[in-house]
Amino acid sequence: MKADAKTEAAVMSTINEFLKAYAKKDLNGVLQQLVPDPDAIFISTGVDEKRIGLAEIKTQLKRDFAQSEELSMEWDWHSVSAAGPVAWMAGDLIMHAKVDGKKLALKMRWTGVLEKRGGKWLLVQSHNSLPAAAQAAGQSFPTS
């Protein structure tokens, strides 16, 4: 069910704090937005980027930060739904990054599951993806 305005604002506050900390390469700031559970899951765009638990997530974040010179994100669209202490979000955003001196603008999709703990929404599961470049609009499958 679509989240009420108060819940949506609180969920997006957590998500935006995550993005701000990520852009600043603030490892502790990012981790404060996550559940400290051994089964927290982060899946991203790389073939090896399936991370389970905080130790693996920290490893991924450190790699992301080491391999980028600049980072920032901007929302194009988002949606938040919730039921009790669980919320889920989906969104389209553009990640601006500078890697090896080259500026990138990656159109990404992000879905996440959050749980309300101690009055704060925390990310439990996160999945980032890039739309298939070889898949034309109107087609259900990539052509190559």
N, C-alpha and C. Protein backbone atom coordinates (compact mmCIF):
# COMPACT_ATOMS: atom_id res chain seq x y z
N MET A 1 0.82 -1.16 0.00
CA MET A 1 0.00 0.00 0.00
C MET A 1 0.88 1.24 0.00
N LYS A 2 0.46 2.24 -0.71
CA LYS A 2 1.21 3.50 -0.79
C LYS A 2 1.38 4.08 0.61
N ALA A 3 2.58 4.48 0.91
CA ALA A 3 2.88 5.05 2.23
C ALA A 3 2.21 6.40 2.40
N ASP A 4 1.81 6.72 3.63
CA ASP A 4 1.29 8.05 3.90
C ASP A 4 2.44 9.05 3.81
N ALA A 5 2.12 10.31 3.77
CA ALA A 5 3.13 11.36 3.54
C ALA A 5 4.21 11.35 4.62
N LYS A 6 3.84 11.12 5.88
CA LYS A 6 4.82 11.12 6.98
C LYS A 6 5.80 9.95 6.82
N THR A 7 5.28 8.77 6.51
CA THR A 7 6.13 7.60 6.33
C THR A 7 7.03 7.78 5.11
N GLU A 8 6.47 8.26 4.01
CA GLU A 8 7.27 8.48 2.81
C GLU A 8 8.42 9.45 3.09
N ALA A 9 8.13 10.52 3.79
CA ALA A 9 9.17 11.51 4.11
C ALA A 9 10.26 10.88 4.97
N ALA A 10 9.87 10.06 5.96
CA ALA A 10 10.86 9.44 6.84
C ALA A 10 11.71 8.41 6.08
N VAL A 11 11.08 7.62 5.23
CA VAL A 11 11.82 6.63 4.42
C VAL A 11 12.78 7.35 3.48
N MET A 12 12.30 8.38 2.80
CA MET A 12 13.16 9.10 1.86
C MET A 12 14.27 9.86 2.59
N SER A 13 14.04 10.23 3.83
CA SER A 13 15.10 10.86 4.62
C SER A 13 16.25 9.87 4.80
N THR A 14 15.93 8.63 5.14
CA THR A 14 16.97 7.60 5.27
C THR A 14 17.69 7.38 3.95
N ILE A 15 16.93 7.25 2.88
CA ILE A 15 17.51 7.01 1.56
C ILE A 15 18.40 8.18 1.15
N ASN A 16 17.93 9.39 1.36
CA ASN A 16 18.72 10.57 0.98
C ASN A 16 19.95 10.74 1.86
N GLU A 17 19.86 10.39 3.14
CA GLU A 17 21.04 10.42 4.00
C GLU A 17 22.07 9.40 3.51
N PHE A 18 21.60 8.24 3.09
CA PHE A 18 22.48 7.23 2.50
C PHE A 18 23.20 7.83 1.29
N LEU A 19 22.44 8.45 0.38
CA LEU A 19 23.02 9.02 -0.83
C LEU A 19 24.00 10.15 -0.53
N LYS A 20 23.67 10.99 0.43
CA LYS A 20 24.58 12.09 0.80
C LYS A 20 25.89 11.54 1.35
N ALA A 21 25.79 10.57 2.24
CA ALA A 21 26.99 9.96 2.82
C ALA A 21 27.80 9.24 1.74
N TYR A 22 27.12 8.55 0.85
CA TYR A 22 27.79 7.85 -0.24
C TYR A 22 28.57 8.84 -1.12
N ALA A 23 27.92 9.96 -1.45
CA ALA A 23 28.57 10.96 -2.30
C ALA A 23 29.79 11.56 -1.61
N LYS A 24 29.76 11.65 -0.28
CA LYS A 24 30.90 12.18 0.48
C LYS A 24 31.93 11.10 0.79
N LYS A 25 31.64 9.87 0.38
CA LYS A 25 32.50 8.71 0.69
C LYS A 25 32.65 8.54 2.20
N ASP A 26 31.56 8.75 2.89
CA ASP A 26 31.49 8.66 4.35
C ASP A 26 30.98 7.27 4.73
N LEU A 27 31.91 6.35 4.94
CA LEU A 27 31.55 4.96 5.22
C LEU A 27 30.62 4.85 6.43
N ASN A 28 30.97 5.49 7.53
CA ASN A 28 30.14 5.41 8.73
C ASN A 28 28.77 6.02 8.52
N GLY A 29 28.70 7.11 7.76
CA GLY A 29 27.42 7.73 7.45
C GLY A 29 26.52 6.81 6.65
N VAL A 30 27.09 6.08 5.70
CA VAL A 30 26.31 5.11 4.93
C VAL A 30 25.84 3.99 5.85
N LEU A 31 26.75 3.45 6.64
CA LEU A 31 26.41 2.31 7.49
C LEU A 31 25.34 2.64 8.52
N GLN A 32 25.24 3.90 8.93
CA GLN A 32 24.20 4.31 9.88
C GLN A 32 22.80 4.19 9.30
N GLN A 33 22.69 4.06 7.99
CA GLN A 33 21.39 3.95 7.34
C GLN A 33 20.99 2.49 7.10
N LEU A 34 21.82 1.56 7.55
CA LEU A 34 21.59 0.13 7.31
C LEU A 34 21.30 -0.61 8.61
N VAL A 35 20.55 -1.70 8.50
CA VAL A 35 20.40 -2.57 9.66
C VAL A 35 21.75 -3.24 9.92
N PRO A 36 22.09 -3.49 11.17
CA PRO A 36 23.37 -4.13 11.48
C PRO A 36 23.30 -5.66 11.44
N ASP A 37 22.41 -6.19 10.63
CA ASP A 37 22.12 -7.63 10.62
C ASP A 37 23.06 -8.39 9.68
N PRO A 38 23.35 -9.65 10.01
CA PRO A 38 24.23 -10.45 9.15
C PRO A 38 23.59 -10.82 7.81
N ASP A 39 22.29 -10.61 7.67
CA ASP A 39 21.64 -10.94 6.40
C ASP A 39 21.20 -9.70 5.62
N ALA A 40 21.73 -8.53 5.97
CA ALA A 40 21.50 -7.34 5.14
C ALA A 40 22.05 -7.62 3.75
N ILE A 41 21.33 -7.19 2.73
CA ILE A 41 21.72 -7.53 1.35
C ILE A 41 21.85 -6.27 0.50
N PHE A 42 22.97 -6.20 -0.22
CA PHE A 42 23.19 -5.14 -1.21
C PHE A 42 23.61 -5.78 -2.51
N ILE A 43 22.83 -5.54 -3.54
CA ILE A 43 23.14 -6.03 -4.88
C ILE A 43 23.26 -4.82 -5.78
N SER A 44 24.35 -4.79 -6.58
CA SER A 44 24.53 -3.65 -7.46
C SER A 44 24.80 -4.12 -8.88
N THR A 45 25.35 -3.27 -9.69
CA THR A 45 25.40 -3.50 -11.13
C THR A 45 26.51 -4.42 -11.61
N GLY A 46 27.56 -4.60 -10.85
CA GLY A 46 28.69 -5.43 -11.26
C GLY A 46 28.39 -6.91 -11.11
N VAL A 47 29.01 -7.72 -11.93
CA VAL A 47 28.77 -9.16 -11.91
C VAL A 47 29.09 -9.77 -10.55
N ASP A 48 30.02 -9.18 -9.81
CA ASP A 48 30.41 -9.70 -8.49
C ASP A 48 29.82 -8.90 -7.34
N GLU A 49 28.88 -8.01 -7.60
CA GLU A 49 28.40 -7.10 -6.57
C GLU A 49 27.11 -7.60 -5.91
N LYS A 50 27.20 -8.76 -5.28
CA LYS A 50 26.15 -9.28 -4.41
C LYS A 50 26.77 -9.41 -3.04
N ARG A 51 26.38 -8.54 -2.11
CA ARG A 51 27.01 -8.47 -0.80
C ARG A 51 25.98 -8.78 0.29
N ILE A 52 26.34 -9.71 1.15
CA ILE A 52 25.45 -10.11 2.25
C ILE A 52 26.19 -9.91 3.56
N GLY A 53 25.59 -9.11 4.45
CA GLY A 53 26.18 -8.82 5.73
C GLY A 53 27.04 -7.57 5.68
N LEU A 54 27.21 -6.94 6.85
CA LEU A 54 27.91 -5.66 6.90
C LEU A 54 29.37 -5.74 6.47
N ALA A 55 30.05 -6.83 6.78
CA ALA A 55 31.46 -6.93 6.38
C ALA A 55 31.59 -6.88 4.86
N GLU A 56 30.74 -7.63 4.16
CA GLU A 56 30.80 -7.62 2.69
C GLU A 56 30.34 -6.27 2.13
N ILE A 57 29.33 -5.68 2.75
CA ILE A 57 28.85 -4.37 2.28
C ILE A 57 29.94 -3.32 2.46
N LYS A 58 30.63 -3.34 3.61
CA LYS A 58 31.75 -2.41 3.84
C LYS A 58 32.82 -2.58 2.77
N THR A 59 33.14 -3.84 2.44
CA THR A 59 34.14 -4.11 1.40
C THR A 59 33.72 -3.47 0.09
N GLN A 60 32.45 -3.62 -0.27
CA GLN A 60 31.95 -3.05 -1.53
C GLN A 60 32.02 -1.53 -1.50
N LEU A 61 31.58 -0.94 -0.40
CA LEU A 61 31.60 0.52 -0.29
C LEU A 61 33.02 1.06 -0.40
N LYS A 62 33.95 0.42 0.29
CA LYS A 62 35.34 0.86 0.20
C LYS A 62 35.85 0.76 -1.23
N ARG A 63 35.48 -0.28 -1.94
CA ARG A 63 35.89 -0.43 -3.34
C ARG A 63 35.27 0.68 -4.19
N ASP A 64 33.97 0.93 -4.00
CA ASP A 64 33.30 2.00 -4.75
C ASP A 64 34.02 3.33 -4.53
N PHE A 65 34.34 3.63 -3.28
CA PHE A 65 34.97 4.91 -2.95
C PHE A 65 36.38 5.00 -3.53
N ALA A 66 37.11 3.90 -3.50
CA ALA A 66 38.48 3.89 -4.02
C ALA A 66 38.51 4.03 -5.54
N GLN A 67 37.49 3.54 -6.20
CA GLN A 67 37.48 3.54 -7.66
C GLN A 67 36.79 4.76 -8.27
N SER A 68 36.40 5.72 -7.45
CA SER A 68 35.73 6.91 -7.98
C SER A 68 36.40 8.16 -7.42
N GLU A 69 36.43 9.18 -8.25
CA GLU A 69 36.99 10.46 -7.84
C GLU A 69 35.91 11.41 -7.34
N GLU A 70 34.73 11.32 -7.91
CA GLU A 70 33.59 12.16 -7.52
C GLU A 70 32.33 11.31 -7.63
N LEU A 71 31.35 11.61 -6.76
CA LEU A 71 30.07 10.91 -6.77
C LEU A 71 28.95 11.88 -6.40
N SER A 72 27.83 11.78 -7.08
CA SER A 72 26.62 12.48 -6.67
C SER A 72 25.44 11.80 -7.36
N MET A 73 24.26 11.96 -6.77
CA MET A 73 23.07 11.34 -7.32
C MET A 73 21.93 12.34 -7.34
N GLU A 74 21.05 12.17 -8.31
CA GLU A 74 19.85 12.99 -8.36
C GLU A 74 18.66 12.11 -8.74
N TRP A 75 17.54 12.36 -8.07
CA TRP A 75 16.33 11.58 -8.31
C TRP A 75 15.62 12.04 -9.57
N ASP A 76 15.09 11.08 -10.31
CA ASP A 76 14.20 11.36 -11.42
C ASP A 76 12.77 11.03 -11.02
N TRP A 77 12.61 9.94 -10.24
CA TRP A 77 11.31 9.46 -9.80
C TRP A 77 11.51 8.52 -8.62
N HIS A 78 10.54 8.48 -7.72
CA HIS A 78 10.57 7.46 -6.66
C HIS A 78 9.15 7.18 -6.18
N SER A 79 9.00 6.01 -5.56
CA SER A 79 7.74 5.59 -4.98
C SER A 79 8.03 4.87 -3.67
N VAL A 80 7.22 5.11 -2.66
CA VAL A 80 7.39 4.46 -1.36
C VAL A 80 6.05 3.86 -0.94
N SER A 81 6.10 2.60 -0.52
CA SER A 81 4.94 1.91 0.03
C SER A 81 5.34 1.35 1.38
N ALA A 82 4.34 1.03 2.22
CA ALA A 82 4.65 0.52 3.55
C ALA A 82 3.49 -0.28 4.10
N ALA A 83 3.82 -1.16 5.03
CA ALA A 83 2.83 -1.90 5.81
C ALA A 83 3.46 -2.14 7.18
N GLY A 84 2.93 -1.49 8.19
CA GLY A 84 3.49 -1.62 9.54
C GLY A 84 4.92 -1.13 9.58
N PRO A 85 5.84 -1.94 10.16
CA PRO A 85 7.23 -1.50 10.30
C PRO A 85 8.11 -1.82 9.09
N VAL A 86 7.49 -2.16 7.96
CA VAL A 86 8.25 -2.48 6.75
C VAL A 86 7.83 -1.54 5.62
N ALA A 87 8.83 -1.02 4.91
CA ALA A 87 8.57 -0.15 3.76
C ALA A 87 9.43 -0.62 2.60
N TRP A 88 8.98 -0.31 1.40
CA TRP A 88 9.76 -0.63 0.22
C TRP A 88 9.71 0.56 -0.72
N MET A 89 10.82 0.78 -1.38
CA MET A 89 10.91 1.93 -2.27
C MET A 89 11.46 1.47 -3.62
N ALA A 90 11.13 2.25 -4.62
CA ALA A 90 11.68 2.05 -5.95
C ALA A 90 11.91 3.43 -6.55
N GLY A 91 12.94 3.54 -7.36
CA GLY A 91 13.20 4.84 -7.94
C GLY A 91 14.15 4.78 -9.12
N ASP A 92 14.10 5.83 -9.90
CA ASP A 92 15.05 6.05 -10.99
C ASP A 92 15.91 7.23 -10.55
N LEU A 93 17.22 7.09 -10.70
CA LEU A 93 18.10 8.19 -10.38
C LEU A 93 19.26 8.22 -11.35
N ILE A 94 19.92 9.33 -11.37
CA ILE A 94 21.12 9.47 -12.18
C ILE A 94 22.30 9.57 -11.23
N MET A 95 23.25 8.65 -11.41
CA MET A 95 24.48 8.71 -10.63
C MET A 95 25.52 9.42 -11.48
N HIS A 96 26.03 10.50 -10.95
CA HIS A 96 27.13 11.21 -11.59
C HIS A 96 28.41 10.74 -10.90
N ALA A 97 29.34 10.29 -11.71
CA ALA A 97 30.60 9.81 -11.13
C ALA A 97 31.75 10.25 -12.03
N LYS A 98 32.88 10.40 -11.42
CA LYS A 98 34.12 10.64 -12.16
C LYS A 98 35.03 9.47 -11.85
N VAL A 99 35.36 8.72 -12.90
CA VAL A 99 36.17 7.52 -12.77
C VAL A 99 37.31 7.60 -13.77
N ASP A 100 38.53 7.48 -13.28
CA ASP A 100 39.72 7.58 -14.13
C ASP A 100 39.70 8.86 -14.96
N GLY A 101 39.25 9.96 -14.36
CA GLY A 101 39.22 11.25 -15.03
C GLY A 101 38.05 11.44 -15.98
N LYS A 102 37.21 10.42 -16.14
CA LYS A 102 36.08 10.49 -17.08
C LYS A 102 34.77 10.67 -16.30
N LYS A 103 33.98 11.67 -16.72
CA LYS A 103 32.69 11.91 -16.07
C LYS A 103 31.63 10.99 -16.67
N LEU A 104 30.87 10.35 -15.78
CA LEU A 104 29.80 9.44 -16.18
C LEU A 104 28.47 9.94 -15.63
N ALA A 105 27.40 9.69 -16.36
CA ALA A 105 26.04 9.93 -15.87
C ALA A 105 25.28 8.63 -16.13
N LEU A 106 25.10 7.85 -15.08
CA LEU A 106 24.49 6.53 -15.19
C LEU A 106 23.03 6.59 -14.76
N LYS A 107 22.13 6.24 -15.67
CA LYS A 107 20.71 6.16 -15.32
C LYS A 107 20.49 4.82 -14.63
N MET A 108 20.17 4.90 -13.35
CA MET A 108 20.07 3.70 -12.53
C MET A 108 18.65 3.51 -12.02
N ARG A 109 18.38 2.27 -11.64
CA ARG A 109 17.15 1.93 -10.93
C ARG A 109 17.56 1.42 -9.56
N TRP A 110 16.79 1.80 -8.54
CA TRP A 110 17.11 1.37 -7.18
C TRP A 110 15.83 0.93 -6.49
N THR A 111 15.85 -0.27 -5.95
CA THR A 111 14.78 -0.74 -5.09
C THR A 111 15.37 -1.08 -3.74
N GLY A 112 14.58 -0.92 -2.71
CA GLY A 112 15.05 -1.21 -1.38
C GLY A 112 13.92 -1.57 -0.44
N VAL A 113 14.26 -2.33 0.58
CA VAL A 113 13.34 -2.68 1.65
C VAL A 113 13.91 -2.08 2.93
N LEU A 114 13.05 -1.44 3.69
CA LEU A 114 13.46 -0.82 4.95
C LEU A 114 12.60 -1.34 6.08
N GLU A 115 13.16 -1.31 7.28
CA GLU A 115 12.43 -1.70 8.47
C GLU A 115 12.55 -0.58 9.49
N LYS A 116 11.46 -0.29 10.18
CA LYS A 116 11.48 0.75 11.20
C LYS A 116 11.95 0.13 12.51
N ARG A 117 13.08 0.63 13.01
CA ARG A 117 13.65 0.15 14.26
C ARG A 117 14.01 1.34 15.13
N GLY A 118 13.52 1.30 16.36
CA GLY A 118 13.82 2.40 17.28
C GLY A 118 13.41 3.75 16.75
N GLY A 119 12.33 3.80 16.00
CA GLY A 119 11.82 5.05 15.46
C GLY A 119 12.50 5.53 14.18
N LYS A 120 13.44 4.75 13.64
CA LYS A 120 14.16 5.15 12.42
C LYS A 120 14.02 4.06 11.36
N TRP A 121 13.86 4.47 10.14
CA TRP A 121 13.82 3.53 9.01
C TRP A 121 15.25 3.20 8.60
N LEU A 122 15.54 1.92 8.47
CA LEU A 122 16.87 1.45 8.08
C LEU A 122 16.77 0.50 6.90
N LEU A 123 17.73 0.59 6.00
CA LEU A 123 17.76 -0.30 4.84
C LEU A 123 18.13 -1.72 5.25
N VAL A 124 17.34 -2.67 4.79
CA VAL A 124 17.57 -4.09 5.01
C VAL A 124 18.09 -4.73 3.73
N GLN A 125 17.54 -4.27 2.62
CA GLN A 125 17.90 -4.83 1.32
C GLN A 125 17.91 -3.72 0.28
N SER A 126 18.91 -3.77 -0.59
CA SER A 126 19.06 -2.75 -1.64
C SER A 126 19.48 -3.43 -2.93
N HIS A 127 18.89 -2.98 -4.04
CA HIS A 127 19.25 -3.52 -5.34
C HIS A 127 19.31 -2.39 -6.35
N ASN A 128 20.48 -2.21 -6.95
CA ASN A 128 20.69 -1.21 -8.01
C ASN A 128 20.88 -1.93 -9.33
N SER A 129 20.35 -1.34 -10.38
CA SER A 129 20.55 -1.93 -11.71
C SER A 129 20.63 -0.83 -12.75
N LEU A 130 21.15 -1.21 -13.90
CA LEU A 130 21.19 -0.33 -15.07
C LEU A 130 20.28 -0.96 -16.12
N PRO A 131 19.39 -0.18 -16.73
CA PRO A 131 18.57 -0.76 -17.79
C PRO A 131 19.45 -1.34 -18.91
N ALA A 132 19.00 -2.43 -19.49
CA ALA A 132 19.76 -3.10 -20.55
C ALA A 132 19.89 -2.19 -21.76
N ALA A 133 21.12 -1.79 -22.07
CA ALA A 133 21.37 -0.86 -23.18
C ALA A 133 20.97 -1.47 -24.53
N ALA A 134 21.04 -2.78 -24.64
CA ALA A 134 20.73 -3.44 -25.91
C ALA A 134 19.25 -3.76 -26.06
N GLN A 135 18.44 -3.27 -25.17
CA GLN A 135 17.00 -3.54 -25.22
C GLN A 135 16.26 -2.26 -25.61
N ALA A 136 15.69 -2.25 -26.79
CA ALA A 136 14.99 -1.08 -27.29
C ALA A 136 13.67 -0.88 -26.54
N ALA A 137 13.24 0.37 -26.44
CA ALA A 137 11.93 0.67 -25.85
C ALA A 137 10.86 -0.12 -26.61
N GLY A 138 9.93 -0.68 -25.88
CA GLY A 138 8.87 -1.47 -26.49
C GLY A 138 9.21 -2.94 -26.64
N GLN A 139 10.45 -3.30 -26.38
CA GLN A 139 10.88 -4.70 -26.49
C GLN A 139 11.01 -5.29 -25.09
N SER A 140 10.65 -6.57 -24.95
CA SER A 140 10.71 -7.23 -23.66
C SER A 140 12.05 -7.87 -23.37
N PHE A 141 12.90 -8.02 -24.38
CA PHE A 141 14.18 -8.69 -24.22
C PHE A 141 15.27 -7.96 -24.98
N PRO A 142 16.51 -7.98 -24.46
CA PRO A 142 17.63 -7.39 -25.21
C PRO A 142 17.84 -8.16 -26.52
N THR A 143 18.35 -7.45 -27.51
CA THR A 143 18.56 -8.09 -28.82
C THR A 143 19.97 -8.62 -28.97
N SER A 144 20.84 -8.35 -28.03
CA SER A 144 22.20 -8.91 -28.12
C SER A 144 22.74 -9.23 -26.76
